[in-house]
Protein backbone atom coordinates (compact mmCIF):
# COMPACT_ATOMS: atom_id res chain seq x y z
CA ARG A 1 2.25 11.43 -0.52
CA TYR A 2 1.94 14.61 -2.56
CA GLY A 3 0.68 17.73 -0.85
CA PRO A 4 -0.64 19.08 1.41
CA PHE A 5 -3.44 20.62 -0.64
CA ASN A 6 -6.32 22.84 0.49
CA VAL A 7 -9.83 23.27 -0.94
CA GLN A 8 -12.00 26.31 -0.23
CA GLY A 9 -15.43 25.92 1.35
CA ALA A 10 -18.43 25.17 -0.85
CA PRO A 11 -20.51 28.27 -1.68
CA MET A 12 -24.07 28.65 -0.42
CA THR A 13 -26.89 28.59 -2.97
CA PRO A 14 -30.11 30.67 -2.94
CA ASP A 15 -32.16 27.75 -1.56
CA GLY A 16 -30.03 27.62 1.59
CA THR A 17 -28.02 24.55 0.63
CA HIS A 18 -24.48 24.52 -0.66
CA GLY A 19 -22.95 23.14 -3.82
CA HIS A 20 -19.35 22.08 -4.08
CA ALA A 21 -16.08 23.92 -4.45
CA HIS A 22 -13.34 23.00 -6.91
CA THR A 23 -9.67 23.89 -6.88
CA GLY A 24 -9.60 23.88 -10.69
CA ASN A 25 -6.69 22.22 -12.44
CA ARG A 26 -3.49 22.71 -10.47
CA PHE A 27 0.05 21.64 -11.33
CA SER A 28 2.73 20.00 -9.18
CA PHE A 29 6.08 19.88 -10.96
CA PHE A 30 9.09 17.63 -10.36
CA ILE A 31 7.28 15.34 -7.97
CA ARG A 32 9.01 12.44 -6.27
CA LYS A 33 9.32 9.17 -8.18
CA PRO A 34 9.14 5.84 -6.31
CA CYS A 35 12.32 4.57 -7.94
CA ASN A 36 14.85 5.10 -10.75
CA ASN A 37 15.99 2.60 -13.36
CA CYS A 38 13.03 0.37 -12.54
CA TYR A 39 9.69 -0.89 -13.81
CA VAL A 40 6.50 0.29 -12.10
CA THR A 41 4.07 -2.63 -12.20
CA GLY A 42 1.18 -1.16 -10.21
CA MET A 43 -0.25 2.27 -9.36
CA THR A 44 -3.19 3.18 -7.11
CA ALA A 45 -4.27 6.69 -6.08
CA SER A 46 -6.07 7.74 -2.91
CA LEU A 47 -6.93 10.94 -1.06
CA VAL A 48 -6.03 11.09 2.63
CA TYR A 49 -5.73 13.48 5.55
CA GLN A 50 -2.54 14.15 7.51
CA ASP A 51 -3.46 11.49 10.09
CA GLY A 52 -3.97 8.83 7.40
CA ARG A 53 -7.77 8.85 7.31
CA VAL A 54 -9.11 8.24 3.82
CA ALA A 55 -10.99 11.23 2.42
CA GLY A 56 -14.03 10.81 0.18
CA TRP A 57 -17.74 11.49 -0.23
CA SER A 58 -18.49 10.59 3.39
CA THR A 59 -15.98 13.23 4.55
CA ASP A 60 -17.18 15.78 1.94
CA ALA A 61 -13.88 15.61 0.02
CA GLN A 62 -13.40 14.40 -3.54
CA LEU A 63 -10.43 13.37 -5.64
CA HIS A 64 -12.00 14.87 -8.75
CA HIS A 65 -9.11 13.82 -10.98
CA MET A 66 -5.35 13.58 -11.18
CA VAL A 67 -3.00 12.88 -14.09
CA MET A 68 0.69 11.94 -13.94
CA LEU A 69 3.16 12.78 -16.69
CA ALA A 70 6.76 11.81 -17.45
CA GLN A 71 8.85 14.48 -19.16
CA GLY A 72 12.19 13.75 -20.80
CA GLY A 73 14.17 10.55 -21.02
CA GLY A 74 13.09 10.11 -24.64
CA LYS A 75 9.42 9.74 -23.69
CA THR A 76 6.70 11.36 -25.80
CA ASP A 77 2.94 11.26 -25.56
CA ALA A 78 1.48 8.79 -28.09
CA THR A 79 -1.51 10.95 -29.04
CA CYS A 80 -0.49 14.54 -28.17
CA ALA A 81 3.26 14.76 -28.69
CA VAL A 82 3.04 17.75 -31.05
CA SER A 83 0.91 20.09 -28.97
CA LEU A 84 1.15 22.54 -26.09
CA PHE A 85 -0.12 19.79 -23.79
CA GLY A 86 2.51 17.40 -25.10
CA LEU A 87 5.26 19.68 -23.81
CA LEU A 88 4.37 18.55 -20.28
CA GLY A 89 5.35 14.98 -21.15
CA GLN A 90 3.86 11.52 -21.53
CA ARG A 91 0.60 10.86 -19.71
CA PHE A 92 1.00 7.48 -18.02
CA PHE A 93 -1.50 7.34 -15.13
CA ALA A 94 -4.76 8.95 -14.11
CA SER A 95 -7.45 8.47 -11.49
CA GLY A 96 -10.69 9.99 -10.31
CA ASP A 97 -12.65 9.48 -7.14
CA GLU A 98 -13.30 5.86 -8.12
CA ARG A 99 -9.56 5.27 -7.53
CA THR A 100 -9.26 2.30 -9.85
CA PRO A 101 -5.86 0.59 -9.55
CA VAL A 102 -3.69 0.07 -12.63
CA ILE A 103 -1.91 -3.26 -12.31
CA SER A 104 0.20 -4.66 -15.17
CA PRO A 105 0.10 -8.36 -16.05
CA PRO A 106 3.11 -10.35 -14.84
CA GLY A 107 6.24 -9.52 -16.83
CA TYR A 108 5.13 -6.03 -17.87
CA GLY A 109 5.91 -2.63 -16.36
CA TYR A 110 6.26 1.08 -17.01
CA PHE A 111 9.97 1.87 -17.25
CA VAL A 112 11.22 4.72 -15.07
CA GLY A 113 14.50 6.30 -16.11
CA ARG A 114 15.93 9.78 -15.75
CA GLU A 115 12.76 11.65 -16.74
CA ASN A 116 10.99 14.16 -14.50
CA TRP A 117 7.49 13.53 -13.22
CA HIS A 118 4.72 16.12 -13.02
CA MET A 119 1.10 15.94 -11.85
CA ILE A 120 -2.14 17.74 -12.74
CA TRP A 121 -4.78 17.55 -10.02
CA GLU A 122 -8.18 18.87 -9.06
CA LEU A 123 -9.87 18.37 -5.70
CA ALA A 124 -13.42 19.23 -4.62
CA ASN A 125 -15.14 20.01 -1.33
CA HIS A 126 -18.82 19.43 -0.52
CA ASN A 127 -18.72 21.16 2.86
CA SER A 128 -19.19 24.87 3.54
CA ALA A 129 -16.01 24.79 5.67
CA PRO A 130 -12.61 24.58 3.92
CA GLN A 131 -10.85 21.23 3.66
CA ASN A 132 -7.19 21.67 4.58
CA GLY A 133 -4.29 19.27 4.74
CA LEU A 134 -5.31 16.83 2.01
CA PHE A 135 -2.74 14.58 0.35
CA ILE A 136 -2.84 12.57 -2.85
CA GLN A 137 -1.37 9.27 -1.74
CA MET A 138 0.07 6.93 -4.35
CA THR A 139 0.82 3.26 -3.82
CA TYR A 140 3.42 1.93 -6.27
CA ASN A 141 4.53 -1.60 -7.02
CA TRP A 142 7.91 -1.78 -8.74
CA VAL A 143 10.85 -4.02 -9.56
CA PRO A 144 14.46 -3.15 -10.53
CA ALA A 145 15.21 -2.74 -14.23
CA SER A 146 17.58 -5.70 -13.92
CA THR A 147 14.63 -8.04 -13.25
CA PRO A 148 14.73 -10.77 -15.95
CA GLY A 149 11.91 -11.10 -18.46
CA MET A 150 10.41 -7.62 -18.08
CA THR A 151 8.75 -5.89 -21.07
CA ARG A 152 8.10 -2.16 -21.26
CA VAL A 153 4.53 -0.94 -21.62
CA GLU A 154 3.65 2.16 -23.64
CA PRO A 155 0.72 4.26 -22.41
CA VAL A 156 -1.79 5.58 -24.98
CA TRP A 157 -4.25 8.27 -23.83
CA MET A 158 -7.66 8.51 -25.49
CA ASP A 159 -9.93 11.46 -24.74
CA LEU A 160 -13.19 12.99 -25.90
CA ASP A 161 -11.36 16.31 -26.05
CA GLN A 162 -8.02 15.02 -27.23
CA CYS A 163 -5.06 17.25 -26.28
CA GLY A 164 -7.48 19.58 -24.48
CA ASP A 165 -9.05 19.84 -21.03
CA SER A 166 -11.10 16.61 -21.26
CA GLU A 167 -14.36 18.56 -21.31
CA ILE A 168 -16.93 18.84 -24.10
CA SER A 169 -20.31 20.50 -24.49
CA VAL A 170 -23.07 17.90 -24.82
CA PRO A 171 -26.20 18.88 -26.71
CA ALA A 172 -29.69 17.82 -25.67
CA GLY A 173 -30.74 14.44 -27.00
CA ALA A 174 -28.63 11.67 -28.45
CA SER A 175 -25.23 12.64 -29.85
CA THR A 176 -21.97 11.06 -30.92
CA ARG A 177 -18.43 12.36 -30.79
CA SER A 178 -15.49 10.59 -32.40
CA TRP A 179 -11.75 11.00 -32.64
CA THR A 180 -9.26 9.00 -34.71
CA TRP A 181 -5.78 7.91 -33.64
CA ASN A 182 -3.35 6.70 -36.28
CA VAL A 183 -1.38 4.03 -34.41
CA ASN A 184 2.21 5.05 -33.71
CA ARG A 185 2.80 2.62 -30.85
CA PRO A 186 2.35 -0.77 -32.55
CA GLY A 187 2.13 -3.72 -30.21
CA ARG A 188 -0.15 -5.88 -28.16
CA ILE A 189 -2.81 -4.28 -25.96
CA ILE A 190 -2.40 -5.65 -22.43
CA GLY A 191 -4.91 -3.51 -20.57
CA ALA A 192 -7.28 -0.55 -20.64
CA GLY A 193 -8.91 1.72 -18.09
CA GLY A 194 -11.51 4.44 -18.23
CA HIS A 195 -12.98 7.28 -16.20
CA ILE A 196 -16.58 8.51 -16.03
CA HIS A 197 -18.38 10.78 -13.61
CA ASP A 198 -21.39 10.00 -11.41
CA GLY A 199 -24.32 9.03 -13.58
CA GLY A 200 -22.07 7.33 -16.11
CA VAL A 201 -23.06 3.81 -17.07
CA ASN A 202 -20.08 2.06 -18.62
CA VAL A 203 -16.85 2.29 -20.58
CA ALA A 204 -16.53 -0.18 -23.44
CA VAL A 205 -13.74 -1.20 -25.82
CA GLN A 206 -15.01 -2.69 -29.06
CA ASN A 207 -13.55 -3.85 -32.37
CA THR A 208 -15.78 -1.89 -34.73
CA THR A 209 -14.54 -3.88 -37.74
CA THR A 210 -15.65 -7.25 -36.39
CA GLY A 211 -18.23 -6.05 -33.86
CA GLN A 212 -16.40 -7.92 -31.08
CA MET A 213 -16.84 -6.47 -27.59
CA ILE A 214 -13.35 -6.63 -26.07
CA CYS A 215 -14.23 -5.19 -22.67
CA ASP A 216 -17.36 -3.67 -21.14
CA SER A 217 -16.61 -2.09 -17.77
CA VAL A 218 -19.85 -1.28 -15.94
CA ALA A 219 -19.86 1.41 -13.25
CA ARG A 220 -20.89 0.25 -9.77
CA TYR A 221 -22.59 2.45 -7.18
CA GLY A 222 -23.10 2.19 -3.44
CA GLY A 223 -20.18 -0.10 -2.70
CA SER A 224 -18.58 2.29 -0.20
CA PRO A 225 -19.71 5.52 1.46
CA LEU A 226 -16.31 6.97 0.53
CA TYR A 227 -16.78 6.75 -3.24
């Protein structure tokens, strides 16, 4: 668990209702790692209270987003190494309120050495009363580095606002925004994950040369009152 974190109460609006309060991007430096000299094979984020209850929409709390970074140990960010953001380290995991797990295929893992870990997080509150004592709870799967047959994975972060704050201004009507990455981590793609906010439809990975749809991940709604 990382925390505890507090979120201020949501402000009232002129119509007598209230909106939602955000902490804004906050930083936690030198956070605890699950292991050293190991391979992390699975990561899942959640938001919980001190007593272990899961926090979410039905409790007026929201894990807006969180990003984990590894700094040092020879690790550099594949797409933002030479930037102010890149100084924080290599982005290797992120989650939003959908809390999608990242599980590597058998035989693959994210190597953890002597680097330091940091975290960027933002929480939200949909209640007029403050939400206190929230924790970001991570579940890790890992194996020792001595485990035979393990292959290191290299994370590659793609973003609409690459090396920025992940926010863009969207004009009215249809629009397109593109960004090009010159591959500096050659290898085989073993997985991909994406993040969209409420109202988003899907995240797709496509080979634009051949037109092949590699993966089309469709957002689902109403599966749990928490998310």
